[in-house]
Amino acid sequence: MFLVILQEIDELANAKSAYTDMIVPIKISEKAQEEIKNIMQHKNIPENYALRVGVKGGGCGGMAYQLGFDKAKEGDQQFDVDGIPVLVEKKHYMFLMGMLVDFYEGNDARGFTFLKDEG
């Protein structure tokens, strides 16, 4: 009986480790990486915070993508994207799959954008 319980615990541990090795849902362009790292450094973002990427809405107005810095919460998926720690809520994972976070800087506007990753 004890051996069976240990075997089940081992199977659960292996299942959990496989689950945490999920595909990273987003990519971050070099320009966006530079801007994120700049913000983290100059805005004194605590070291235990990560870039939180999420979505809001989904009704008639469609999805609005969100970026911010936050501590990890229970149930978050945690990823490393080119040296940037990233947090994604489980329920947002499928909506972010295949997205590219970019940074636009022009005469008319400046900010982060979400694009469908084409490559």
PDB file of N, CA and C in Angstrom:
ATOM      1  N   MET A   1       0.836  -1.194   0.000  1.00  0.00           N
ATOM      2  CA  MET A   1       0.000   0.000   0.000  1.00  0.00           C
ATOM      3  C   MET A   1       0.879   1.255   0.000  1.00  0.00           C
ATOM      4  N   PHE A   2       1.870   1.275   0.883  1.00  0.00           N
ATOM      5  CA  PHE A   2       2.764   2.427   0.982  1.00  0.00           C
ATOM      6  C   PHE A   2       3.501   2.654  -0.337  1.00  0.00           C
ATOM      7  N   LEU A   3       3.923   1.560  -0.979  1.00  0.00           N
ATOM      8  CA  LEU A   3       4.626   1.641  -2.253  1.00  0.00           C
ATOM      9  C   LEU A   3       3.722   2.226  -3.340  1.00  0.00           C
ATOM     10  N   VAL A   4       2.456   1.860  -3.331  1.00  0.00           N
ATOM     11  CA  VAL A   4       1.495   2.381  -4.308  1.00  0.00           C
ATOM     12  C   VAL A   4       1.318   3.885  -4.128  1.00  0.00           C
ATOM     13  N   ILE A   5       1.237   4.337  -2.882  1.00  0.00           N
ATOM     14  CA  ILE A   5       1.087   5.771  -2.608  1.00  0.00           C
ATOM     15  C   ILE A   5       2.315   6.533  -3.089  1.00  0.00           C
ATOM     16  N   LEU A   6       3.509   6.006  -2.818  1.00  0.00           N
ATOM     17  CA  LEU A   6       4.737   6.655  -3.285  1.00  0.00           C
ATOM     18  C   LEU A   6       4.776   6.718  -4.805  1.00  0.00           C
ATOM     19  N   GLN A   7       4.321   5.661  -5.448  1.00  0.00           N
ATOM     20  CA  GLN A   7       4.287   5.621  -6.901  1.00  0.00           C
ATOM     21  C   GLN A   7       3.323   6.685  -7.445  1.00  0.00           C
ATOM     22  N   GLU A   8       2.167   6.840  -6.815  1.00  0.00           N
ATOM     23  CA  GLU A   8       1.194   7.853  -7.237  1.00  0.00           C
ATOM     24  C   GLU A   8       1.747   9.257  -7.038  1.00  0.00           C
ATOM     25  N   ILE A   9       2.437   9.485  -5.928  1.00  0.00           N
ATOM     26  CA  ILE A   9       3.050  10.797  -5.673  1.00  0.00           C
ATOM     27  C   ILE A   9       4.085  11.098  -6.743  1.00  0.00           C
ATOM     28  N   ASP A  10       4.891  10.111  -7.097  1.00  0.00           N
ATOM     29  CA  ASP A  10       5.907  10.284  -8.131  1.00  0.00           C
ATOM     30  C   ASP A  10       5.262  10.614  -9.475  1.00  0.00           C
ATOM     31  N   GLU A  11       4.174   9.926  -9.812  1.00  0.00           N
ATOM     32  CA  GLU A  11       3.463  10.199 -11.066  1.00  0.00           C
ATOM     33  C   GLU A  11       2.896  11.613 -11.087  1.00  0.00           C
ATOM     34  N   LEU A  12       2.343  12.055  -9.971  1.00  0.00           N
ATOM     35  CA  LEU A  12       1.816  13.420  -9.889  1.00  0.00           C
ATOM     36  C   LEU A  12       2.926  14.446 -10.038  1.00  0.00           C
ATOM     37  N   ALA A  13       4.059  14.200  -9.419  1.00  0.00           N
ATOM     38  CA  ALA A  13       5.194  15.125  -9.517  1.00  0.00           C
ATOM     39  C   ALA A  13       5.674  15.223 -10.954  1.00  0.00           C
ATOM     40  N   ASN A  14       5.754  14.091 -11.642  1.00  0.00           N
ATOM     41  CA  ASN A  14       6.174  14.102 -13.040  1.00  0.00           C
ATOM     42  C   ASN A  14       5.147  14.796 -13.922  1.00  0.00           C
ATOM     43  N   ALA A  15       3.873  14.592 -13.647  1.00  0.00           N
ATOM     44  CA  ALA A  15       2.820  15.260 -14.420  1.00  0.00           C
ATOM     45  C   ALA A  15       2.904  16.762 -14.221  1.00  0.00           C
ATOM     46  N   LYS A  16       3.148  17.205 -12.990  1.00  0.00           N
ATOM     47  CA  LYS A  16       3.247  18.635 -12.712  1.00  0.00           C
ATOM     48  C   LYS A  16       4.444  19.238 -13.424  1.00  0.00           C
ATOM     49  N   SER A  17       5.594  18.570 -13.407  1.00  0.00           N
ATOM     50  CA  SER A  17       6.770  19.128 -14.057  1.00  0.00           C
ATOM     51  C   SER A  17       6.567  19.190 -15.567  1.00  0.00           C
ATOM     52  N   ALA A  18       5.853  18.240 -16.128  1.00  0.00           N
ATOM     53  CA  ALA A  18       5.562  18.286 -17.556  1.00  0.00           C
ATOM     54  C   ALA A  18       4.629  19.453 -17.858  1.00  0.00           C
ATOM     55  N   TYR A  19       3.699  19.734 -16.955  1.00  0.00           N
ATOM     56  CA  TYR A  19       2.747  20.825 -17.142  1.00  0.00           C
ATOM     57  C   TYR A  19       3.445  22.177 -17.110  1.00  0.00           C
ATOM     58  N   THR A  20       4.439  22.327 -16.251  1.00  0.00           N
ATOM     59  CA  THR A  20       5.121  23.610 -16.154  1.00  0.00           C
ATOM     60  C   THR A  20       6.077  23.837 -17.314  1.00  0.00           C
ATOM     61  N   ASP A  21       6.350  22.816 -18.110  1.00  0.00           N
ATOM     62  CA  ASP A  21       7.206  22.964 -19.279  1.00  0.00           C
ATOM     63  C   ASP A  21       6.360  23.280 -20.512  1.00  0.00           C
ATOM     64  N   MET A  22       5.364  24.119 -20.345  1.00  0.00           N
ATOM     65  CA  MET A  22       4.453  24.471 -21.425  1.00  0.00           C
ATOM     66  C   MET A  22       5.168  25.331 -22.461  1.00  0.00           C
ATOM     67  N   ILE A  23       4.595  25.384 -23.632  1.00  0.00           N
ATOM     68  CA  ILE A  23       5.111  26.243 -24.693  1.00  0.00           C
ATOM     69  C   ILE A  23       4.896  27.692 -24.280  1.00  0.00           C
ATOM     70  N   VAL A  24       5.918  28.511 -24.477  1.00  0.00           N
ATOM     71  CA  VAL A  24       5.804  29.934 -24.164  1.00  0.00           C
ATOM     72  C   VAL A  24       4.813  30.539 -25.159  1.00  0.00           C
ATOM     73  N   PRO A  25       3.737  31.160 -24.672  1.00  0.00           N
ATOM     74  CA  PRO A  25       2.683  31.607 -25.587  1.00  0.00           C
ATOM     75  C   PRO A  25       3.029  32.855 -26.398  1.00  0.00           C
ATOM     76  N   ILE A  26       3.974  33.666 -25.917  1.00  0.00           N
ATOM     77  CA  ILE A  26       4.277  34.928 -26.601  1.00  0.00           C
ATOM     78  C   ILE A  26       5.751  35.019 -26.964  1.00  0.00           C
ATOM     79  N   LYS A  27       6.019  35.918 -27.895  1.00  0.00           N
ATOM     80  CA  LYS A  27       7.390  36.326 -28.198  1.00  0.00           C
ATOM     81  C   LYS A  27       7.455  37.822 -27.917  1.00  0.00           C
ATOM     82  N   ILE A  28       8.654  38.308 -27.649  1.00  0.00           N
ATOM     83  CA  ILE A  28       8.853  39.734 -27.399  1.00  0.00           C
ATOM     84  C   ILE A  28       9.928  40.218 -28.359  1.00  0.00           C
ATOM     85  N   SER A  29       9.605  41.233 -29.170  1.00  0.00           N
ATOM     86  CA  SER A  29      10.568  41.751 -30.140  1.00  0.00           C
ATOM     87  C   SER A  29      11.762  42.377 -29.415  1.00  0.00           C
ATOM     88  N   GLU A  30      12.867  42.519 -30.133  1.00  0.00           N
ATOM     89  CA  GLU A  30      14.066  43.119 -29.534  1.00  0.00           C
ATOM     90  C   GLU A  30      13.785  44.528 -29.029  1.00  0.00           C
ATOM     91  N   LYS A  31      13.057  45.305 -29.800  1.00  0.00           N
ATOM     92  CA  LYS A  31      12.740  46.685 -29.396  1.00  0.00           C
ATOM     93  C   LYS A  31      11.897  46.692 -28.117  1.00  0.00           C
ATOM     94  N   ALA A  32      10.919  45.790 -28.031  1.00  0.00           N
ATOM     95  CA  ALA A  32      10.086  45.697 -26.828  1.00  0.00           C
ATOM     96  C   ALA A  32      10.907  45.201 -25.642  1.00  0.00           C
ATOM     97  N   GLN A  33      11.823  44.254 -25.883  1.00  0.00           N
ATOM     98  CA  GLN A  33      12.697  43.776 -24.805  1.00  0.00           C
ATOM     99  C   GLN A  33      13.522  44.921 -24.227  1.00  0.00           C
ATOM    100  N   GLU A  34      14.088  45.729 -25.101  1.00  0.00           N
ATOM    101  CA  GLU A  34      14.889  46.875 -24.649  1.00  0.00           C
ATOM    102  C   GLU A  34      14.049  47.809 -23.785  1.00  0.00           C
ATOM    103  N   GLU A  35      12.843  48.101 -24.227  1.00  0.00           N
ATOM    104  CA  GLU A  35      11.968  49.020 -23.491  1.00  0.00           C
ATOM    105  C   GLU A  35      11.541  48.418 -22.150  1.00  0.00           C
ATOM    106  N   ILE A  36      11.211  47.140 -22.126  1.00  0.00           N
ATOM    107  CA  ILE A  36      10.809  46.474 -20.879  1.00  0.00           C
ATOM    108  C   ILE A  36      11.960  46.491 -19.884  1.00  0.00           C
ATOM    109  N   LYS A  37      13.156  46.142 -20.339  1.00  0.00           N
ATOM    110  CA  LYS A  37      14.333  46.139 -19.455  1.00  0.00           C
ATOM    111  C   LYS A  37      14.643  47.545 -18.962  1.00  0.00           C
ATOM    112  N   ASN A  38      14.461  48.533 -19.824  1.00  0.00           N
ATOM    113  CA  ASN A  38      14.673  49.932 -19.443  1.00  0.00           C
ATOM    114  C   ASN A  38      13.686  50.341 -18.345  1.00  0.00           C
ATOM    115  N   ILE A  39      12.427  49.975 -18.511  1.00  0.00           N
ATOM    116  CA  ILE A  39      11.400  50.287 -17.507  1.00  0.00           C
ATOM    117  C   ILE A  39      11.726  49.592 -16.188  1.00  0.00           C
ATOM    118  N   MET A  40      12.093  48.311 -16.264  1.00  0.00           N
ATOM    119  CA  MET A  40      12.407  47.559 -15.044  1.00  0.00           C
ATOM    120  C   MET A  40      13.558  48.211 -14.271  1.00  0.00           C
ATOM    121  N   GLN A  41      14.525  48.707 -14.999  1.00  0.00           N
ATOM    122  CA  GLN A  41      15.694  49.308 -14.360  1.00  0.00           C
ATOM    123  C   GLN A  41      15.401  50.712 -13.833  1.00  0.00           C
ATOM    124  N   HIS A  42      14.788  51.552 -14.639  1.00  0.00           N
ATOM    125  CA  HIS A  42      14.617  52.964 -14.280  1.00  0.00           C
ATOM    126  C   HIS A  42      13.389  53.255 -13.424  1.00  0.00           C
ATOM    127  N   LYS A  43      12.437  52.352 -13.399  1.00  0.00           N
ATOM    128  CA  LYS A  43      11.237  52.551 -12.570  1.00  0.00           C
ATOM    129  C   LYS A  43      11.314  51.750 -11.273  1.00  0.00           C
ATOM    130  N   ASN A  44      12.494  51.212 -10.988  1.00  0.00           N
ATOM    131  CA  ASN A  44      12.735  50.468  -9.744  1.00  0.00           C
ATOM    132  C   ASN A  44      11.715  49.353  -9.510  1.00  0.00           C
ATOM    133  N   ILE A  45      11.467  48.565 -10.524  1.00  0.00           N
ATOM    134  CA  ILE A  45      10.576  47.411 -10.391  1.00  0.00           C
ATOM    135  C   ILE A  45      11.287  46.387  -9.497  1.00  0.00           C
ATOM    136  N   PRO A  46      10.653  45.928  -8.421  1.00  0.00           N
ATOM    137  CA  PRO A  46      11.303  44.958  -7.523  1.00  0.00           C
ATOM    138  C   PRO A  46      11.739  43.688  -8.263  1.00  0.00           C
ATOM    139  N   GLU A  47      12.822  43.101  -7.803  1.00  0.00           N
ATOM    140  CA  GLU A  47      13.378  41.913  -8.461  1.00  0.00           C
ATOM    141  C   GLU A  47      12.432  40.716  -8.449  1.00  0.00           C
ATOM    142  N   ASN A  48      11.537  40.655  -7.468  1.00  0.00           N
ATOM    143  CA  ASN A  48      10.610  39.518  -7.403  1.00  0.00           C
ATOM    144  C   ASN A  48       9.349  39.747  -8.252  1.00  0.00           C
ATOM    145  N   TYR A  49       9.321  40.812  -9.029  1.00  0.00           N
ATOM    146  CA  TYR A  49       8.208  41.074  -9.941  1.00  0.00           C
ATOM    147  C   TYR A  49       8.571  40.567 -11.339  1.00  0.00           C
ATOM    148  N   ALA A  50       7.555  40.310 -12.127  1.00  0.00           N
ATOM    149  CA  ALA A  50       7.734  39.861 -13.507  1.00  0.00           C
ATOM    150  C   ALA A  50       6.760  40.629 -14.393  1.00  0.00           C
ATOM    151  N   LEU A  51       6.971  40.528 -15.677  1.00  0.00           N
ATOM    152  CA  LEU A  51       6.066  41.147 -16.640  1.00  0.00           C
ATOM    153  C   LEU A  51       4.808  40.294 -16.721  1.00  0.00           C
ATOM    154  N   ARG A  52       3.678  40.877 -16.363  1.00  0.00           N
ATOM    155  CA  ARG A  52       2.399  40.158 -16.463  1.00  0.00           C
ATOM    156  C   ARG A  52       1.763  40.517 -17.806  1.00  0.00           C
ATOM    157  N   VAL A  53       1.434  39.487 -18.572  1.00  0.00           N
ATOM    158  CA  VAL A  53       0.800  39.659 -19.874  1.00  0.00           C
ATOM    159  C   VAL A  53      -0.574  39.008 -19.782  1.00  0.00           C
ATOM    160  N   GLY A  54      -1.596  39.748 -20.200  1.00  0.00           N
ATOM    161  CA  GLY A  54      -2.942  39.207 -20.091  1.00  0.00           C
ATOM    162  C   GLY A  54      -3.890  39.813 -21.100  1.00  0.00           C
ATOM    163  N   VAL A  55      -5.140  39.435 -20.972  1.00  0.00           N
ATOM    164  CA  VAL A  55      -6.199  39.959 -21.832  1.00  0.00           C
ATOM    165  C   VAL A  55      -7.361  40.411 -20.966  1.00  0.00           C
ATOM    166  N   LYS A  56      -8.136  41.318 -21.523  1.00  0.00           N
ATOM    167  CA  LYS A  56      -9.326  41.802 -20.836  1.00  0.00           C
ATOM    168  C   LYS A  56     -10.432  41.931 -21.871  1.00  0.00           C
ATOM    169  N   GLY A  57     -11.636  41.665 -21.458  1.00  0.00           N
ATOM    170  CA  GLY A  57     -12.773  41.834 -22.363  1.00  0.00           C
ATOM    171  C   GLY A  57     -13.059  40.579 -23.143  1.00  0.00           C
ATOM    172  N   GLY A  58     -13.420  40.769 -24.385  1.00  0.00           N
ATOM    173  CA  GLY A  58     -13.775  39.638 -25.228  1.00  0.00           C
ATOM    174  C   GLY A  58     -15.202  39.737 -25.722  1.00  0.00           C
ATOM    175  N   GLY A  59     -15.907  40.800 -25.326  1.00  0.00           N
ATOM    176  CA  GLY A  59     -17.281  40.995 -25.785  1.00  0.00           C
ATOM    177  C   GLY A  59     -17.296  41.633 -27.160  1.00  0.00           C
ATOM    178  N   CYS A  60     -18.239  42.525 -27.368  1.00  0.00           N
ATOM    179  CA  CYS A  60     -18.394  43.194 -28.660  1.00  0.00           C
ATOM    180  C   CYS A  60     -17.166  44.011 -29.038  1.00  0.00           C
ATOM    181  N   GLY A  61     -16.489  44.541 -28.030  1.00  0.00           N
ATOM    182  CA  GLY A  61     -15.300  45.357 -28.284  1.00  0.00           C
ATOM    183  C   GLY A  61     -14.055  44.546 -28.562  1.00  0.00           C
ATOM    184  N   GLY A  62     -14.140  43.231 -28.458  1.00  0.00           N
ATOM    185  CA  GLY A  62     -12.982  42.380 -28.704  1.00  0.00           C
ATOM    186  C   GLY A  62     -12.057  42.319 -27.500  1.00  0.00           C
ATOM    187  N   MET A  63     -10.900  41.764 -27.715  1.00  0.00           N
ATOM    188  CA  MET A  63      -9.903  41.595 -26.655  1.00  0.00           C
ATOM    189  C   MET A  63      -9.043  42.840 -26.529  1.00  0.00           C
ATOM    190  N   ALA A  64      -8.715  43.167 -25.308  1.00  0.00           N
ATOM    191  CA  ALA A  64      -7.725  44.209 -25.034  1.00  0.00           C
ATOM    192  C   ALA A  64      -6.567  43.516 -24.331  1.00  0.00           C
ATOM    193  N   TYR A  65      -5.381  43.680 -24.855  1.00  0.00           N
ATOM    194  CA  TYR A  65      -4.207  43.052 -24.260  1.00  0.00           C
ATOM    195  C   TYR A  65      -3.642  43.962 -23.185  1.00  0.00           C
ATOM    196  N   GLN A  66      -3.087  43.334 -22.145  1.00  0.00           N
ATOM    197  CA  GLN A  66      -2.581  44.092 -21.007  1.00  0.00           C
ATOM    198  C   GLN A  66      -1.146  43.707 -20.691  1.00  0.00           C
ATOM    199  N   LEU A  67      -0.367  44.703 -20.273  1.00  0.00           N
ATOM    200  CA  LEU A  67       1.000  44.514 -19.799  1.00  0.00           C
ATOM    201  C   LEU A  67       1.148  45.247 -18.486  1.00  0.00           C
ATOM    202  N   GLY A  68       1.904  44.678 -17.578  1.00  0.00           N
ATOM    203  CA  GLY A  68       2.189  45.337 -16.312  1.00  0.00           C
ATOM    204  C   GLY A  68       3.214  44.517 -15.552  1.00  0.00           C
ATOM    205  N   PHE A  69       3.610  44.996 -14.401  1.00  0.00           N
ATOM    206  CA  PHE A  69       4.560  44.271 -13.564  1.00  0.00           C
ATOM    207  C   PHE A  69       3.852  43.843 -12.296  1.00  0.00           C
ATOM    208  N   ASP A  70       4.097  42.598 -11.876  1.00  0.00           N
ATOM    209  CA  ASP A  70       3.349  42.032 -10.765  1.00  0.00           C
ATOM    210  C   ASP A  70       4.133  40.883 -10.152  1.00  0.00           C
ATOM    211  N   LYS A  71       3.735  40.520  -8.924  1.00  0.00           N
ATOM    212  CA  LYS A  71       4.266  39.317  -8.281  1.00  0.00           C
ATOM    213  C   LYS A  71       3.494  38.118  -8.810  1.00  0.00           C
ATOM    214  N   ALA A  72       4.139  36.969  -8.784  1.00  0.00           N
ATOM    215  CA  ALA A  72       3.461  35.737  -9.190  1.00  0.00           C
ATOM    216  C   ALA A  72       2.338  35.419  -8.211  1.00  0.00           C
ATOM    217  N   LYS A  73       1.229  34.949  -8.760  1.00  0.00           N
ATOM    218  CA  LYS A  73       0.078  34.544  -7.954  1.00  0.00           C
ATOM    219  C   LYS A  73      -0.162  33.057  -8.166  1.00  0.00           C
ATOM    220  N   GLU A  74      -0.899  32.469  -7.251  1.00  0.00           N
ATOM    221  CA  GLU A  74      -1.205  31.048  -7.371  1.00  0.00           C
ATOM    222  C   GLU A  74      -1.915  30.787  -8.697  1.00  0.00           C
ATOM    223  N   GLY A  75      -1.444  29.792  -9.408  1.00  0.00           N
ATOM    224  CA  GLY A  75      -2.058  29.428 -10.679  1.00  0.00           C
ATOM    225  C   GLY A  75      -1.448  30.107 -11.893  1.00  0.00           C
ATOM    226  N   ASP A  76      -0.526  31.043 -11.687  1.00  0.00           N
ATOM    227  CA  ASP A  76       0.132  31.692 -12.822  1.00  0.00           C
ATOM    228  C   ASP A  76       1.045  30.711 -13.544  1.00  0.00           C
ATOM    229  N   GLN A  77       1.145  30.883 -14.839  1.00  0.00           N
ATOM    230  CA  GLN A  77       2.157  30.192 -15.631  1.00  0.00           C
ATOM    231  C   GLN A  77       3.351  31.134 -15.677  1.00  0.00           C
ATOM    232  N   GLN A  78       4.543  30.621 -15.422  1.00  0.00           N
ATOM    233  CA  GLN A  78       5.738  31.458 -15.405  1.00  0.00           C
ATOM    234  C   GLN A  78       6.670  31.023 -16.522  1.00  0.00           C
ATOM    235  N   PHE A  79       7.167  32.003 -17.267  1.00  0.00           N
ATOM    236  CA  PHE A  79       8.042  31.741 -18.400  1.00  0.00           C
ATOM    237  C   PHE A  79       9.222  32.700 -18.362  1.00  0.00           C
ATOM    238  N   ASP A  80      10.263  32.339 -19.069  1.00  0.00           N
ATOM    239  CA  ASP A  80      11.384  33.234 -19.295  1.00  0.00           C
ATOM    240  C   ASP A  80      11.422  33.492 -20.791  1.00  0.00           C
ATOM    241  N   VAL A  81      11.258  34.748 -21.174  1.00  0.00           N
ATOM    242  CA  VAL A  81      11.290  35.112 -22.586  1.00  0.00           C
ATOM    243  C   VAL A  81      12.515  35.991 -22.799  1.00  0.00           C
ATOM    244  N   ASP A  82      13.569  35.389 -23.317  1.00  0.00           N
ATOM    245  CA  ASP A  82      14.823  36.098 -23.583  1.00  0.00           C
ATOM    246  C   ASP A  82      15.312  36.886 -22.373  1.00  0.00           C
ATOM    247  N   GLY A  83      15.285  36.253 -21.210  1.00  0.00           N
ATOM    248  CA  GLY A  83      15.792  36.884 -19.992  1.00  0.00           C
ATOM    249  C   GLY A  83      14.782  37.737 -19.247  1.00  0.00           C
ATOM    250  N   ILE A  84      13.576  37.844 -19.762  1.00  0.00           N
ATOM    251  CA  ILE A  84      12.522  38.617 -19.099  1.00  0.00           C
ATOM    252  C   ILE A  84      11.552  37.635 -18.441  1.00  0.00           C
ATOM    253  N   PRO A  85      11.383  37.732 -17.116  1.00  0.00           N
ATOM    254  CA  PRO A  85      10.412  36.850 -16.460  1.00  0.00           C
ATOM    255  C   PRO A  85       8.990  37.282 -16.818  1.00  0.00           C
ATOM    256  N   VAL A  86       8.177  36.332 -17.249  1.00  0.00           N
ATOM    257  CA  VAL A  86       6.822  36.626 -17.724  1.00  0.00           C
ATOM    258  C   VAL A  86       5.814  35.774 -16.955  1.00  0.00           C
ATOM    259  N   LEU A  87       4.703  36.401 -16.569  1.00  0.00           N
ATOM    260  CA  LEU A  87       3.596  35.726 -15.894  1.00  0.00           C
ATOM    261  C   LEU A  87       2.361  35.765 -16.785  1.00  0.00           C
ATOM    262  N   VAL A  88       1.655  34.648 -16.844  1.00  0.00           N
ATOM    263  CA  VAL A  88       0.406  34.565 -17.600  1.00  0.00           C
ATOM    264  C   VAL A  88      -0.590  33.777 -16.759  1.00  0.00           C
ATOM    265  N   GLU A  89      -1.783  34.333 -16.560  1.00  0.00           N
ATOM    266  CA  GLU A  89      -2.840  33.573 -15.885  1.00  0.00           C
ATOM    267  C   GLU A  89      -3.255  32.418 -16.790  1.00  0.00           C
ATOM    268  N   LYS A  90      -3.544  31.283 -16.177  1.00  0.00           N
ATOM    269  CA  LYS A  90      -3.933  30.097 -16.960  1.00  0.00           C
ATOM    270  C   LYS A  90      -5.059  30.406 -17.938  1.00  0.00           C
ATOM    271  N   LYS A  91      -6.055  31.157 -17.472  1.00  0.00           N
ATOM    272  CA  LYS A  91      -7.229  31.408 -18.321  1.00  0.00           C
ATOM    273  C   LYS A  91      -6.916  32.316 -19.508  1.00  0.00           C
ATOM    274  N   HIS A  92      -5.767  32.999 -19.497  1.00  0.00           N
ATOM    275  CA  HIS A  92      -5.389  33.883 -20.604  1.00  0.00           C
ATOM    276  C   HIS A  92      -4.463  33.198 -21.605  1.00  0.00           C
ATOM    277  N   TYR A  93      -3.923  32.057 -21.219  1.00  0.00           N
ATOM    278  CA  TYR A  93      -2.890  31.374 -22.009  1.00  0.00           C
ATOM    279  C   TYR A  93      -3.307  31.193 -23.472  1.00  0.00           C
ATOM    280  N   MET A  94      -4.477  30.626 -23.704  1.00  0.00           N
ATOM    281  CA  MET A  94      -4.888  30.319 -25.082  1.00  0.00           C
ATOM    282  C   MET A  94      -5.124  31.580 -25.919  1.00  0.00           C
ATOM    283  N   PHE A  95      -5.482  32.697 -25.278  1.00  0.00           N
ATOM    284  CA  PHE A  95      -5.718  33.937 -26.017  1.00  0.00           C
ATOM    285  C   PHE A  95      -4.410  34.628 -26.402  1.00  0.00           C
ATOM    286  N   LEU A  96      -3.328  34.285 -25.714  1.00  0.00           N
ATOM    287  CA  LEU A  96      -2.028  34.897 -25.984  1.00  0.00           C
ATOM    288  C   LEU A  96      -1.159  34.057 -26.909  1.00  0.00           C
ATOM    289  N   MET A  97      -1.554  32.818 -27.138  1.00  0.00           N
ATOM    290  CA  MET A  97      -0.742  31.910 -27.947  1.00  0.00           C
ATOM    291  C   MET A  97      -0.493  32.498 -29.335  1.00  0.00           C
ATOM    292  N   GLY A  98       0.786  32.581 -29.704  1.00  0.00           N
ATOM    293  CA  GLY A  98       1.156  33.065 -31.027  1.00  0.00           C
ATOM    294  C   GLY A  98       1.216  34.573 -31.158  1.00  0.00           C
ATOM    295  N   MET A  99       1.196  35.296 -30.032  1.00  0.00           N
ATOM    296  CA  MET A  99       1.249  36.760 -30.095  1.00  0.00           C
ATOM    297  C   MET A  99       2.691  37.252 -29.945  1.00  0.00           C
ATOM    298  N   LEU A 100       2.964  38.383 -30.576  1.00  0.00           N
ATOM    299  CA  LEU A 100       4.254  39.057 -30.489  1.00  0.00           C
ATOM    300  C   LEU A 100       4.034  40.397 -29.809  1.00  0.00           C
ATOM    301  N   VAL A 101       4.759  40.636 -28.721  1.00  0.00           N
ATOM    302  CA  VAL A 101       4.728  41.943 -28.066  1.00  0.00           C
ATOM    303  C   VAL A 101       5.808  42.778 -28.738  1.00  0.00           C
ATOM    304  N   ASP A 102       5.415  43.906 -29.290  1.00  0.00           N
ATOM    305  CA  ASP A 102       6.349  44.796 -29.981  1.00  0.00           C
ATOM    306  C   ASP A 102       6.265  46.173 -29.339  1.00  0.00           C
ATOM    307  N   PHE A 103       7.195  47.043 -29.713  1.00  0.00           N
ATOM    308  CA  PHE A 103       7.173  48.415 -29.217  1.00  0.00           C
ATOM    309  C   PHE A 103       7.234  49.340 -30.416  1.00  0.00           C
ATOM    310  N   TYR A 104       6.245  50.225 -30.501  1.00  0.00           N
ATOM    311  CA  TYR A 104       6.164  51.182 -31.605  1.00  0.00           C
ATOM    312  C   TYR A 104       6.570  52.551 -31.097  1.00  0.00           C
ATOM    313  N   GLU A 105       7.410  53.212 -31.875  1.00  0.00           N
ATOM    314  CA  GLU A 105       7.819  54.569 -31.519  1.00  0.00           C
ATOM    315  C   GLU A 105       7.827  55.399 -32.797  1.00  0.00           C
ATOM    316  N   GLY A 106       6.857  56.287 -32.913  1.00  0.00           N
ATOM    317  CA  GLY A 106       6.749  57.127 -34.090  1.00  0.00           C
ATOM    318  C   GLY A 106       6.379  58.541 -33.698  1.00  0.00           C
ATOM    319  N   ASN A 107       6.197  59.390 -34.686  1.00  0.00           N
ATOM    320  CA  ASN A 107       5.818  60.783 -34.424  1.00  0.00           C
ATOM    321  C   ASN A 107       4.406  60.888 -33.869  1.00  0.00           C
ATOM    322  N   ASP A 108       3.561  59.931 -34.229  1.00  0.00           N
ATOM    323  CA  ASP A 108       2.156  59.984 -33.837  1.00  0.00           C
ATOM    324  C   ASP A 108       1.849  59.264 -32.527  1.00  0.00           C
ATOM    325  N   ALA A 109       2.661  58.294 -32.154  1.00  0.00           N
ATOM    326  CA  ALA A 109       2.373  57.513 -30.947  1.00  0.00           C
ATOM    327  C   ALA A 109       3.617  56.752 -30.497  1.00  0.00           C
ATOM    328  N   ARG A 110       3.514  56.230 -29.282  1.00  0.00           N
ATOM    329  CA  ARG A 110       4.611  55.458 -28.699  1.00  0.00           C
ATOM    330  C   ARG A 110       3.996  54.469 -27.718  1.00  0.00           C
ATOM    331  N   GLY A 111       4.340  53.198 -27.829  1.00  0.00           N
ATOM    332  CA  GLY A 111       3.818  52.235 -26.870  1.00  0.00           C
ATOM    333  C   GLY A 111       3.949  50.799 -27.336  1.00  0.00           C
ATOM    334  N   PHE A 112       3.526  49.902 -26.466  1.00  0.00           N
ATOM    335  CA  PHE A 112       3.578  48.477 -26.763  1.00  0.00           C
ATOM    336  C   PHE A 112       2.382  48.087 -27.618  1.00  0.00           C
ATOM    337  N   THR A 113       2.625  47.166 -28.528  1.00  0.00           N
ATOM    338  CA  THR A 113       1.562  46.649 -29.383  1.00  0.00           C
ATOM    339  C   THR A 113       1.604  45.123 -29.365  1.00  0.00           C
ATOM    340  N   PHE A 114       0.470  44.519 -29.627  1.00  0.00           N
ATOM    341  CA  PHE A 114       0.374  43.065 -29.738  1.00  0.00           C
ATOM    342  C   PHE A 114       0.056  42.734 -31.186  1.00  0.00           C
ATOM    343  N   LEU A 115       0.867  41.881 -31.768  1.00  0.00           N
ATOM    344  CA  LEU A 115       0.696  41.477 -33.154  1.00  0.00           C
ATOM    345  C   LEU A 115       0.635  39.961 -33.229  1.00  0.00           C
ATOM    346  N   LYS A 116      -0.041  39.448 -34.235  1.00  0.00           N
ATOM    347  CA  LYS A 116      -0.015  38.003 -34.468  1.00  0.00           C
ATOM    348  C   LYS A 116       1.367  37.675 -35.005  1.00  0.00           C
ATOM    349  N   ASP A 117       2.085  36.757 -34.353  1.00  0.00           N
ATOM    350  CA  ASP A 117       3.448  36.400 -34.754  1.00  0.00           C
ATOM    351  C   ASP A 117       3.409  35.629 -36.063  1.00  0.00           C
ATOM    352  N   GLU A 118       4.091  36.143 -37.054  1.00  0.00           N
ATOM    353  CA  GLU A 118       4.104  35.517 -38.378  1.00  0.00           C
ATOM    354  C   GLU A 118       5.351  34.668 -38.608  1.00  0.00           C
ATOM    355  N   GLY A 119       6.180  34.520 -37.612  1.00  0.00           N
ATOM    356  CA  GLY A 119       7.383  33.724 -37.869  1.00  0.00           C
ATOM    357  C   GLY A 119       8.050  33.414 -36.661  1.00  0.00           C
TER     358      GLY A 119
END
